[in-house]
N, C-alpha and C. Protein backbone atom coordinates (compact mmCIF):
# COMPACT_ATOMS: atom_id res chain seq x y z
N MET A 1 -20.50 -3.05 8.78
CA MET A 1 -19.95 -4.32 8.30
C MET A 1 -18.72 -4.04 7.43
N GLU A 2 -17.71 -4.80 7.62
CA GLU A 2 -16.45 -4.57 6.94
C GLU A 2 -16.43 -5.22 5.57
N ARG A 3 -15.93 -4.46 4.60
CA ARG A 3 -15.73 -5.01 3.27
C ARG A 3 -14.35 -5.66 3.23
N MET A 4 -14.27 -6.83 2.64
CA MET A 4 -12.96 -7.45 2.41
C MET A 4 -12.90 -7.77 0.93
N GLN A 5 -11.77 -7.52 0.33
CA GLN A 5 -11.63 -7.85 -1.08
C GLN A 5 -11.51 -9.35 -1.22
N GLY A 6 -12.32 -9.91 -2.09
CA GLY A 6 -12.24 -11.34 -2.34
C GLY A 6 -11.04 -11.65 -3.21
N GLU A 7 -10.66 -12.87 -3.21
CA GLU A 7 -9.48 -13.27 -3.99
C GLU A 7 -9.63 -12.91 -5.46
N GLY A 8 -10.82 -13.09 -6.02
CA GLY A 8 -11.03 -12.82 -7.44
C GLY A 8 -10.84 -11.36 -7.80
N GLU A 9 -11.12 -10.46 -6.86
CA GLU A 9 -11.02 -9.04 -7.15
C GLU A 9 -9.58 -8.57 -7.31
N VAL A 10 -8.65 -9.28 -6.73
CA VAL A 10 -7.28 -8.79 -6.72
C VAL A 10 -6.30 -9.77 -7.33
N ASP A 11 -6.79 -10.72 -8.13
CA ASP A 11 -5.88 -11.67 -8.76
C ASP A 11 -4.82 -10.97 -9.59
N HIS A 12 -5.16 -9.80 -10.17
CA HIS A 12 -4.20 -9.08 -10.98
C HIS A 12 -2.99 -8.64 -10.15
N LEU A 13 -3.10 -8.63 -8.84
CA LEU A 13 -1.97 -8.25 -7.99
C LEU A 13 -1.02 -9.42 -7.76
N GLU A 14 -1.39 -10.60 -8.18
CA GLU A 14 -0.59 -11.77 -7.82
C GLU A 14 0.43 -12.17 -8.89
N ARG A 15 0.26 -11.74 -10.12
CA ARG A 15 1.18 -12.13 -11.17
C ARG A 15 1.63 -10.90 -11.96
N PRO A 16 2.50 -10.10 -11.37
CA PRO A 16 2.90 -8.88 -12.06
C PRO A 16 3.83 -9.18 -13.23
N SER A 17 3.71 -8.39 -14.25
CA SER A 17 4.68 -8.46 -15.33
C SER A 17 5.66 -7.31 -15.13
N PRO A 18 6.85 -7.42 -15.67
CA PRO A 18 7.84 -6.37 -15.45
C PRO A 18 7.38 -5.03 -16.04
N LEU A 19 7.83 -3.96 -15.39
CA LEU A 19 7.53 -2.63 -15.90
C LEU A 19 8.35 -2.35 -17.15
N THR A 20 7.72 -1.69 -18.10
CA THR A 20 8.47 -1.18 -19.24
C THR A 20 9.09 0.16 -18.83
N ASP A 21 10.03 0.64 -19.62
CA ASP A 21 10.61 1.96 -19.32
C ASP A 21 9.53 3.03 -19.35
N LYS A 22 8.60 2.92 -20.28
CA LYS A 22 7.51 3.90 -20.38
C LYS A 22 6.66 3.89 -19.11
N GLU A 23 6.33 2.69 -18.63
CA GLU A 23 5.53 2.59 -17.41
C GLU A 23 6.28 3.16 -16.21
N ARG A 24 7.56 2.85 -16.11
CA ARG A 24 8.36 3.38 -15.01
C ARG A 24 8.35 4.90 -15.02
N LEU A 25 8.53 5.49 -16.19
CA LEU A 25 8.51 6.95 -16.29
C LEU A 25 7.13 7.52 -15.96
N MET A 26 6.07 6.84 -16.39
CA MET A 26 4.71 7.31 -16.06
C MET A 26 4.50 7.30 -14.54
N ILE A 27 4.96 6.25 -13.90
CA ILE A 27 4.81 6.16 -12.44
C ILE A 27 5.62 7.26 -11.77
N GLN A 28 6.85 7.44 -12.19
CA GLN A 28 7.69 8.46 -11.56
C GLN A 28 7.13 9.87 -11.80
N ASP A 29 6.64 10.14 -13.00
CA ASP A 29 6.05 11.46 -13.29
C ASP A 29 4.79 11.68 -12.47
N SER A 30 3.92 10.68 -12.40
CA SER A 30 2.68 10.84 -11.64
C SER A 30 2.99 10.96 -10.15
N TRP A 31 3.97 10.20 -9.69
CA TRP A 31 4.32 10.24 -8.27
C TRP A 31 4.85 11.62 -7.87
N ALA A 32 5.60 12.26 -8.74
CA ALA A 32 6.13 13.59 -8.43
C ALA A 32 4.98 14.54 -8.09
N LYS A 33 3.89 14.44 -8.83
CA LYS A 33 2.72 15.30 -8.57
C LYS A 33 2.00 14.87 -7.28
N VAL A 34 1.88 13.58 -7.07
CA VAL A 34 1.23 13.06 -5.87
C VAL A 34 2.02 13.45 -4.62
N TYR A 35 3.33 13.29 -4.69
CA TYR A 35 4.18 13.49 -3.51
C TYR A 35 4.25 14.96 -3.08
N GLU A 36 3.89 15.87 -3.99
CA GLU A 36 3.79 17.28 -3.60
C GLU A 36 2.73 17.45 -2.51
N ASN A 37 1.77 16.54 -2.47
CA ASN A 37 0.68 16.55 -1.48
C ASN A 37 0.83 15.37 -0.52
N CYS A 38 2.07 15.08 -0.15
CA CYS A 38 2.43 13.90 0.62
C CYS A 38 1.55 13.68 1.85
N ASP A 39 1.45 14.69 2.70
CA ASP A 39 0.72 14.51 3.95
C ASP A 39 -0.76 14.26 3.71
N HIS A 40 -1.37 15.04 2.84
CA HIS A 40 -2.80 14.89 2.55
C HIS A 40 -3.09 13.51 1.96
N VAL A 41 -2.30 13.10 0.99
CA VAL A 41 -2.54 11.81 0.32
C VAL A 41 -2.31 10.64 1.28
N GLY A 42 -1.24 10.70 2.06
CA GLY A 42 -0.96 9.63 3.01
C GLY A 42 -2.08 9.46 4.01
N VAL A 43 -2.57 10.57 4.54
CA VAL A 43 -3.68 10.51 5.50
C VAL A 43 -4.94 9.99 4.80
N ALA A 44 -5.20 10.44 3.59
CA ALA A 44 -6.39 9.98 2.85
C ALA A 44 -6.34 8.46 2.64
N ILE A 45 -5.16 7.95 2.33
CA ILE A 45 -5.01 6.49 2.12
C ILE A 45 -5.31 5.74 3.42
N LEU A 46 -4.73 6.18 4.53
CA LEU A 46 -4.95 5.46 5.78
C LEU A 46 -6.39 5.59 6.27
N ILE A 47 -6.98 6.77 6.13
CA ILE A 47 -8.38 6.93 6.55
C ILE A 47 -9.27 6.01 5.73
N ARG A 48 -9.07 5.96 4.42
CA ARG A 48 -9.86 5.07 3.56
C ARG A 48 -9.66 3.62 3.97
N LEU A 49 -8.42 3.25 4.25
CA LEU A 49 -8.13 1.88 4.69
C LEU A 49 -8.90 1.56 5.96
N PHE A 50 -8.82 2.44 6.95
CA PHE A 50 -9.43 2.15 8.24
C PHE A 50 -10.94 2.26 8.24
N VAL A 51 -11.50 3.10 7.38
CA VAL A 51 -12.96 3.19 7.27
C VAL A 51 -13.51 1.96 6.55
N ASN A 52 -12.87 1.57 5.46
CA ASN A 52 -13.38 0.44 4.67
C ASN A 52 -12.97 -0.92 5.23
N PHE A 53 -11.86 -0.95 5.95
CA PHE A 53 -11.34 -2.21 6.52
C PHE A 53 -10.94 -1.96 7.97
N PRO A 54 -11.92 -1.75 8.87
CA PRO A 54 -11.60 -1.39 10.25
C PRO A 54 -10.71 -2.40 10.96
N SER A 55 -10.70 -3.64 10.53
CA SER A 55 -9.83 -4.62 11.18
C SER A 55 -8.35 -4.25 11.03
N ALA A 56 -8.02 -3.44 10.05
CA ALA A 56 -6.62 -3.01 9.86
C ALA A 56 -6.13 -2.17 11.04
N LYS A 57 -7.05 -1.54 11.76
CA LYS A 57 -6.65 -0.71 12.90
C LYS A 57 -6.11 -1.53 14.06
N GLN A 58 -6.37 -2.83 14.08
CA GLN A 58 -5.93 -3.66 15.21
C GLN A 58 -4.42 -3.61 15.42
N TYR A 59 -3.68 -3.24 14.39
CA TYR A 59 -2.22 -3.21 14.47
C TYR A 59 -1.67 -1.89 15.00
N PHE A 60 -2.56 -0.96 15.33
CA PHE A 60 -2.15 0.38 15.74
C PHE A 60 -2.74 0.70 17.11
N SER A 61 -2.00 0.37 18.15
CA SER A 61 -2.52 0.58 19.51
C SER A 61 -2.84 2.04 19.79
N GLN A 62 -2.13 2.97 19.15
CA GLN A 62 -2.30 4.39 19.43
C GLN A 62 -3.66 4.93 18.97
N PHE A 63 -4.28 4.29 18.00
CA PHE A 63 -5.55 4.82 17.51
C PHE A 63 -6.55 3.75 17.09
N LYS A 64 -6.34 2.52 17.52
CA LYS A 64 -7.23 1.45 17.08
C LYS A 64 -8.67 1.60 17.58
N ASP A 65 -8.86 2.34 18.67
CA ASP A 65 -10.21 2.49 19.22
C ASP A 65 -10.92 3.75 18.74
N ILE A 66 -10.28 4.55 17.91
CA ILE A 66 -10.90 5.77 17.40
C ILE A 66 -11.79 5.40 16.21
N GLN A 67 -13.07 5.68 16.33
CA GLN A 67 -14.02 5.31 15.28
C GLN A 67 -14.28 6.45 14.29
N ASP A 68 -14.29 7.68 14.78
CA ASP A 68 -14.64 8.85 13.97
C ASP A 68 -13.50 9.17 12.99
N PRO A 69 -13.78 9.14 11.68
CA PRO A 69 -12.73 9.43 10.69
C PRO A 69 -12.09 10.81 10.88
N GLU A 70 -12.87 11.79 11.34
CA GLU A 70 -12.30 13.12 11.55
C GLU A 70 -11.30 13.12 12.71
N LEU A 71 -11.61 12.37 13.76
CA LEU A 71 -10.66 12.26 14.87
C LEU A 71 -9.43 11.47 14.46
N LEU A 72 -9.64 10.43 13.66
CA LEU A 72 -8.51 9.66 13.13
C LEU A 72 -7.58 10.57 12.33
N GLU A 73 -8.19 11.39 11.49
CA GLU A 73 -7.43 12.27 10.61
C GLU A 73 -6.55 13.23 11.40
N GLN A 74 -7.01 13.63 12.58
CA GLN A 74 -6.27 14.57 13.42
C GLN A 74 -5.22 13.89 14.30
N ASN A 75 -5.26 12.58 14.39
CA ASN A 75 -4.37 11.85 15.28
C ASN A 75 -2.92 11.95 14.81
N SER A 76 -2.04 12.40 15.70
CA SER A 76 -0.64 12.61 15.32
C SER A 76 0.06 11.30 14.96
N GLN A 77 -0.30 10.20 15.62
CA GLN A 77 0.33 8.91 15.30
C GLN A 77 -0.09 8.42 13.92
N LEU A 78 -1.36 8.63 13.57
CA LEU A 78 -1.81 8.25 12.23
C LEU A 78 -1.08 9.11 11.19
N ARG A 79 -0.96 10.39 11.45
CA ARG A 79 -0.29 11.29 10.51
C ARG A 79 1.18 10.90 10.34
N LYS A 80 1.81 10.48 11.44
CA LYS A 80 3.21 10.06 11.39
C LYS A 80 3.35 8.79 10.56
N HIS A 81 2.43 7.85 10.76
CA HIS A 81 2.50 6.61 9.98
C HIS A 81 2.20 6.88 8.50
N ALA A 82 1.28 7.78 8.23
CA ALA A 82 0.97 8.15 6.85
C ALA A 82 2.22 8.70 6.16
N ARG A 83 2.98 9.50 6.88
CA ARG A 83 4.22 10.05 6.32
C ARG A 83 5.22 8.94 6.04
N ARG A 84 5.31 7.95 6.96
CA ARG A 84 6.23 6.82 6.73
C ARG A 84 5.82 6.02 5.49
N VAL A 85 4.51 5.80 5.33
CA VAL A 85 4.02 5.07 4.15
C VAL A 85 4.40 5.82 2.88
N MET A 86 4.16 7.12 2.88
CA MET A 86 4.45 7.93 1.69
C MET A 86 5.95 7.97 1.41
N ASN A 87 6.77 8.06 2.46
CA ASN A 87 8.22 8.07 2.25
C ASN A 87 8.71 6.73 1.72
N ALA A 88 8.11 5.63 2.20
CA ALA A 88 8.49 4.31 1.67
C ALA A 88 8.11 4.21 0.19
N LEU A 89 6.91 4.69 -0.16
CA LEU A 89 6.51 4.70 -1.57
C LEU A 89 7.43 5.58 -2.39
N ASN A 90 7.84 6.70 -1.82
CA ASN A 90 8.74 7.61 -2.53
C ASN A 90 10.09 6.93 -2.81
N THR A 91 10.60 6.22 -1.82
CA THR A 91 11.85 5.48 -2.01
C THR A 91 11.67 4.40 -3.07
N LEU A 92 10.56 3.69 -3.01
CA LEU A 92 10.28 2.65 -3.99
C LEU A 92 10.23 3.22 -5.40
N VAL A 93 9.46 4.29 -5.58
CA VAL A 93 9.31 4.88 -6.91
C VAL A 93 10.65 5.40 -7.42
N GLY A 94 11.43 5.99 -6.53
CA GLY A 94 12.74 6.49 -6.93
C GLY A 94 13.74 5.39 -7.25
N SER A 95 13.43 4.16 -6.87
CA SER A 95 14.35 3.03 -7.06
C SER A 95 13.86 2.05 -8.12
N LEU A 96 12.84 2.41 -8.87
CA LEU A 96 12.26 1.45 -9.80
C LEU A 96 13.23 0.95 -10.87
N ASP A 97 14.30 1.68 -11.10
CA ASP A 97 15.29 1.24 -12.08
C ASP A 97 16.42 0.45 -11.43
N ASN A 98 16.25 0.12 -10.14
CA ASN A 98 17.29 -0.62 -9.40
C ASN A 98 16.62 -1.79 -8.67
N ALA A 99 16.56 -2.93 -9.32
CA ALA A 99 15.85 -4.10 -8.78
C ALA A 99 16.40 -4.52 -7.41
N GLU A 100 17.72 -4.40 -7.21
CA GLU A 100 18.30 -4.79 -5.91
C GLU A 100 17.81 -3.87 -4.80
N LYS A 101 17.73 -2.58 -5.07
CA LYS A 101 17.27 -1.64 -4.05
C LYS A 101 15.79 -1.88 -3.74
N VAL A 102 14.99 -2.15 -4.76
CA VAL A 102 13.56 -2.46 -4.54
C VAL A 102 13.44 -3.71 -3.68
N ALA A 103 14.20 -4.75 -4.02
CA ALA A 103 14.14 -6.00 -3.26
C ALA A 103 14.56 -5.77 -1.81
N SER A 104 15.58 -4.95 -1.59
CA SER A 104 16.05 -4.65 -0.24
C SER A 104 14.97 -3.90 0.56
N LEU A 105 14.33 -2.93 -0.08
CA LEU A 105 13.27 -2.19 0.57
C LEU A 105 12.11 -3.12 0.95
N LEU A 106 11.71 -3.98 0.02
CA LEU A 106 10.59 -4.89 0.28
C LEU A 106 10.97 -5.90 1.38
N GLU A 107 12.24 -6.30 1.42
CA GLU A 107 12.68 -7.22 2.48
C GLU A 107 12.57 -6.55 3.85
N LEU A 108 13.02 -5.30 3.94
CA LEU A 108 12.91 -4.56 5.21
C LEU A 108 11.46 -4.40 5.63
N LEU A 109 10.61 -3.98 4.71
CA LEU A 109 9.19 -3.79 5.02
C LEU A 109 8.53 -5.11 5.40
N GLY A 110 8.82 -6.15 4.64
CA GLY A 110 8.21 -7.44 4.90
C GLY A 110 8.61 -8.01 6.25
N LYS A 111 9.89 -7.96 6.55
CA LYS A 111 10.36 -8.49 7.84
C LYS A 111 9.78 -7.70 9.01
N ALA A 112 9.77 -6.37 8.89
CA ALA A 112 9.23 -5.55 9.98
C ALA A 112 7.76 -5.86 10.21
N HIS A 113 7.00 -5.96 9.13
CA HIS A 113 5.56 -6.17 9.28
C HIS A 113 5.22 -7.59 9.68
N ALA A 114 6.03 -8.56 9.26
CA ALA A 114 5.77 -9.96 9.63
C ALA A 114 6.24 -10.25 11.05
N LEU A 115 7.48 -9.89 11.34
CA LEU A 115 8.09 -10.31 12.60
C LEU A 115 7.79 -9.37 13.76
N ARG A 116 7.88 -8.07 13.54
CA ARG A 116 7.69 -7.12 14.64
C ARG A 116 6.22 -6.77 14.83
N HIS A 117 5.55 -6.42 13.72
CA HIS A 117 4.17 -5.94 13.83
C HIS A 117 3.12 -7.04 13.69
N LYS A 118 3.52 -8.21 13.17
CA LYS A 118 2.62 -9.36 13.00
C LYS A 118 1.38 -9.03 12.16
N VAL A 119 1.59 -8.27 11.08
CA VAL A 119 0.51 -7.86 10.18
C VAL A 119 0.27 -8.97 9.17
N GLU A 120 -0.97 -9.39 9.03
CA GLU A 120 -1.29 -10.41 8.03
C GLU A 120 -0.97 -9.86 6.64
N PRO A 121 -0.36 -10.66 5.77
CA PRO A 121 0.05 -10.16 4.46
C PRO A 121 -1.12 -9.69 3.58
N VAL A 122 -2.31 -10.19 3.82
CA VAL A 122 -3.46 -9.76 3.02
C VAL A 122 -3.65 -8.25 3.09
N TYR A 123 -3.20 -7.63 4.17
CA TYR A 123 -3.37 -6.17 4.29
C TYR A 123 -2.53 -5.41 3.27
N PHE A 124 -1.45 -6.00 2.78
CA PHE A 124 -0.69 -5.35 1.71
C PHE A 124 -1.48 -5.38 0.41
N LYS A 125 -2.23 -6.45 0.20
CA LYS A 125 -3.09 -6.54 -0.97
C LYS A 125 -4.21 -5.50 -0.85
N ILE A 126 -4.78 -5.41 0.33
CA ILE A 126 -5.87 -4.47 0.57
C ILE A 126 -5.40 -3.03 0.40
N VAL A 127 -4.27 -2.69 1.02
CA VAL A 127 -3.80 -1.31 0.94
C VAL A 127 -3.39 -0.95 -0.49
N SER A 128 -2.96 -1.93 -1.28
CA SER A 128 -2.66 -1.66 -2.68
C SER A 128 -3.91 -1.17 -3.41
N GLY A 129 -5.03 -1.84 -3.17
CA GLY A 129 -6.28 -1.40 -3.78
C GLY A 129 -6.70 -0.02 -3.31
N VAL A 130 -6.50 0.24 -2.03
CA VAL A 130 -6.84 1.55 -1.47
C VAL A 130 -5.97 2.65 -2.09
N ILE A 131 -4.69 2.38 -2.24
CA ILE A 131 -3.79 3.36 -2.86
C ILE A 131 -4.26 3.67 -4.28
N LEU A 132 -4.58 2.63 -5.05
CA LEU A 132 -5.06 2.84 -6.42
C LEU A 132 -6.32 3.69 -6.44
N GLU A 133 -7.26 3.40 -5.55
CA GLU A 133 -8.50 4.17 -5.47
C GLU A 133 -8.23 5.64 -5.16
N VAL A 134 -7.44 5.88 -4.12
CA VAL A 134 -7.19 7.25 -3.67
C VAL A 134 -6.44 8.04 -4.75
N LEU A 135 -5.40 7.45 -5.34
CA LEU A 135 -4.66 8.17 -6.37
C LEU A 135 -5.56 8.50 -7.55
N GLY A 136 -6.41 7.55 -7.96
CA GLY A 136 -7.31 7.79 -9.08
C GLY A 136 -8.32 8.88 -8.79
N GLU A 137 -8.82 8.93 -7.55
CA GLU A 137 -9.81 9.94 -7.17
C GLU A 137 -9.18 11.31 -6.94
N GLU A 138 -8.04 11.34 -6.29
CA GLU A 138 -7.40 12.61 -5.94
C GLU A 138 -6.68 13.25 -7.13
N PHE A 139 -6.24 12.42 -8.08
CA PHE A 139 -5.45 12.91 -9.21
C PHE A 139 -5.95 12.34 -10.53
N PRO A 140 -7.22 12.58 -10.87
CA PRO A 140 -7.77 11.95 -12.08
C PRO A 140 -7.09 12.39 -13.38
N GLN A 141 -6.54 13.61 -13.43
CA GLN A 141 -5.85 14.07 -14.64
C GLN A 141 -4.47 13.43 -14.75
N VAL A 142 -3.91 13.04 -13.63
CA VAL A 142 -2.56 12.48 -13.59
C VAL A 142 -2.60 10.96 -13.69
N VAL A 143 -3.49 10.35 -12.91
CA VAL A 143 -3.57 8.89 -12.88
C VAL A 143 -4.66 8.45 -13.86
N THR A 144 -4.29 8.49 -15.12
CA THR A 144 -5.17 8.06 -16.20
C THR A 144 -5.27 6.53 -16.15
N PRO A 145 -6.16 5.93 -16.93
CA PRO A 145 -6.22 4.46 -16.93
C PRO A 145 -4.87 3.81 -17.25
N GLU A 146 -4.12 4.39 -18.19
CA GLU A 146 -2.81 3.83 -18.54
C GLU A 146 -1.83 3.93 -17.37
N VAL A 147 -1.82 5.08 -16.70
CA VAL A 147 -0.96 5.26 -15.53
C VAL A 147 -1.42 4.35 -14.40
N GLY A 148 -2.73 4.24 -14.22
CA GLY A 148 -3.28 3.34 -13.19
C GLY A 148 -2.86 1.90 -13.42
N ALA A 149 -2.82 1.48 -14.68
CA ALA A 149 -2.39 0.12 -14.99
C ALA A 149 -0.92 -0.08 -14.61
N ALA A 150 -0.10 0.93 -14.84
CA ALA A 150 1.31 0.84 -14.44
C ALA A 150 1.43 0.79 -12.92
N TRP A 151 0.63 1.60 -12.22
CA TRP A 151 0.64 1.55 -10.75
C TRP A 151 0.20 0.17 -10.26
N THR A 152 -0.77 -0.43 -10.92
CA THR A 152 -1.22 -1.77 -10.54
C THR A 152 -0.06 -2.75 -10.60
N LYS A 153 0.76 -2.65 -11.65
CA LYS A 153 1.93 -3.52 -11.76
C LYS A 153 2.90 -3.30 -10.62
N VAL A 154 3.16 -2.03 -10.29
CA VAL A 154 4.10 -1.73 -9.21
C VAL A 154 3.59 -2.29 -7.89
N LEU A 155 2.32 -2.03 -7.61
CA LEU A 155 1.76 -2.50 -6.34
C LEU A 155 1.68 -4.02 -6.29
N ALA A 156 1.48 -4.66 -7.45
CA ALA A 156 1.51 -6.12 -7.51
C ALA A 156 2.91 -6.63 -7.19
N THR A 157 3.92 -5.93 -7.69
CA THR A 157 5.30 -6.28 -7.40
C THR A 157 5.58 -6.15 -5.91
N VAL A 158 5.08 -5.08 -5.31
CA VAL A 158 5.25 -4.87 -3.87
C VAL A 158 4.62 -6.03 -3.10
N TYR A 159 3.36 -6.33 -3.44
CA TYR A 159 2.67 -7.41 -2.74
C TYR A 159 3.40 -8.75 -2.90
N CYS A 160 3.80 -9.06 -4.10
CA CYS A 160 4.49 -10.34 -4.33
C CYS A 160 5.84 -10.38 -3.61
N GLY A 161 6.55 -9.27 -3.64
CA GLY A 161 7.85 -9.22 -2.96
C GLY A 161 7.71 -9.37 -1.46
N ILE A 162 6.74 -8.68 -0.90
CA ILE A 162 6.52 -8.77 0.55
C ILE A 162 6.00 -10.16 0.92
N SER A 163 5.13 -10.71 0.10
CA SER A 163 4.62 -12.07 0.36
C SER A 163 5.77 -13.08 0.36
N ALA A 164 6.72 -12.91 -0.55
CA ALA A 164 7.87 -13.81 -0.60
C ALA A 164 8.69 -13.69 0.69
N VAL A 165 8.85 -12.47 1.20
CA VAL A 165 9.58 -12.28 2.46
C VAL A 165 8.84 -12.96 3.60
N TYR A 166 7.52 -12.82 3.62
CA TYR A 166 6.72 -13.49 4.66
C TYR A 166 6.97 -15.00 4.62
N GLU A 167 6.99 -15.57 3.42
CA GLU A 167 7.24 -17.01 3.31
C GLU A 167 8.65 -17.36 3.79
N GLU A 168 9.63 -16.52 3.45
CA GLU A 168 11.01 -16.77 3.87
C GLU A 168 11.16 -16.79 5.39
N VAL A 169 10.41 -15.92 6.07
CA VAL A 169 10.53 -15.86 7.53
C VAL A 169 9.61 -16.87 8.22
N GLY A 170 8.90 -17.68 7.43
CA GLY A 170 8.09 -18.74 8.00
C GLY A 170 6.69 -18.34 8.43
N TRP A 171 6.18 -17.25 7.85
CA TRP A 171 4.82 -16.82 8.17
C TRP A 171 3.86 -17.92 7.77
N THR A 172 2.96 -18.28 8.67
CA THR A 172 1.93 -19.26 8.36
C THR A 172 0.78 -18.54 7.68
N LYS A 173 0.44 -19.02 6.49
CA LYS A 173 -0.62 -18.36 5.73
C LYS A 173 -1.94 -18.43 6.48
N VAL A 174 -2.57 -17.28 6.56
CA VAL A 174 -3.91 -17.19 7.15
C VAL A 174 -4.83 -16.83 6.00
N PRO A 175 -5.86 -17.64 5.72
CA PRO A 175 -6.71 -17.32 4.58
C PRO A 175 -7.43 -16.00 4.81
N ALA A 176 -7.61 -15.24 3.72
CA ALA A 176 -8.37 -13.99 3.81
C ALA A 176 -9.80 -14.33 4.17
N SER A 177 -10.32 -13.61 5.14
CA SER A 177 -11.68 -13.90 5.56
C SER A 177 -12.57 -12.72 5.27
N THR A 178 -13.84 -12.99 5.19
CA THR A 178 -14.80 -11.90 5.05
C THR A 178 -15.48 -11.76 6.39
N GLY A 179 -15.79 -10.53 6.74
CA GLY A 179 -16.33 -10.37 8.07
C GLY A 179 -17.48 -9.45 8.15
């Protein structure tokens, strides 16, 4: 049975406050350590996403029918997408002091996922939670509660920015369902 995050669990992702300089530096410092393990972390994030939220696999024809997490982990297409996710996060983190660049990145991601891939926006909320979980588990000395709170703000900004792009392109809201 698939777990879906209820609206109440992720309300903190819907109203981000701006990052302070200290938070931005904490995110960039923690990310430098995370990104050293780019491939491992990216794959761990996607495997966790697909194990906990199997409906997310529907958007990936190359591996949507693979059930075994070990086989998923070995799949070259999954590994390639994991690298793209990590590189997008790397660009985002490197651009946190440039609001225009962040907005441009989120516009590109939002349009691609809404128009080309037809991904429901709720999956950005879901993957944000998965990223927070994986970073906290894989890097507990680096992603302290204070650093985790800063990451929550960044991921909330990502979700809100991408949601705004979805609205701009006329995406019809589909309520999050539990299944």
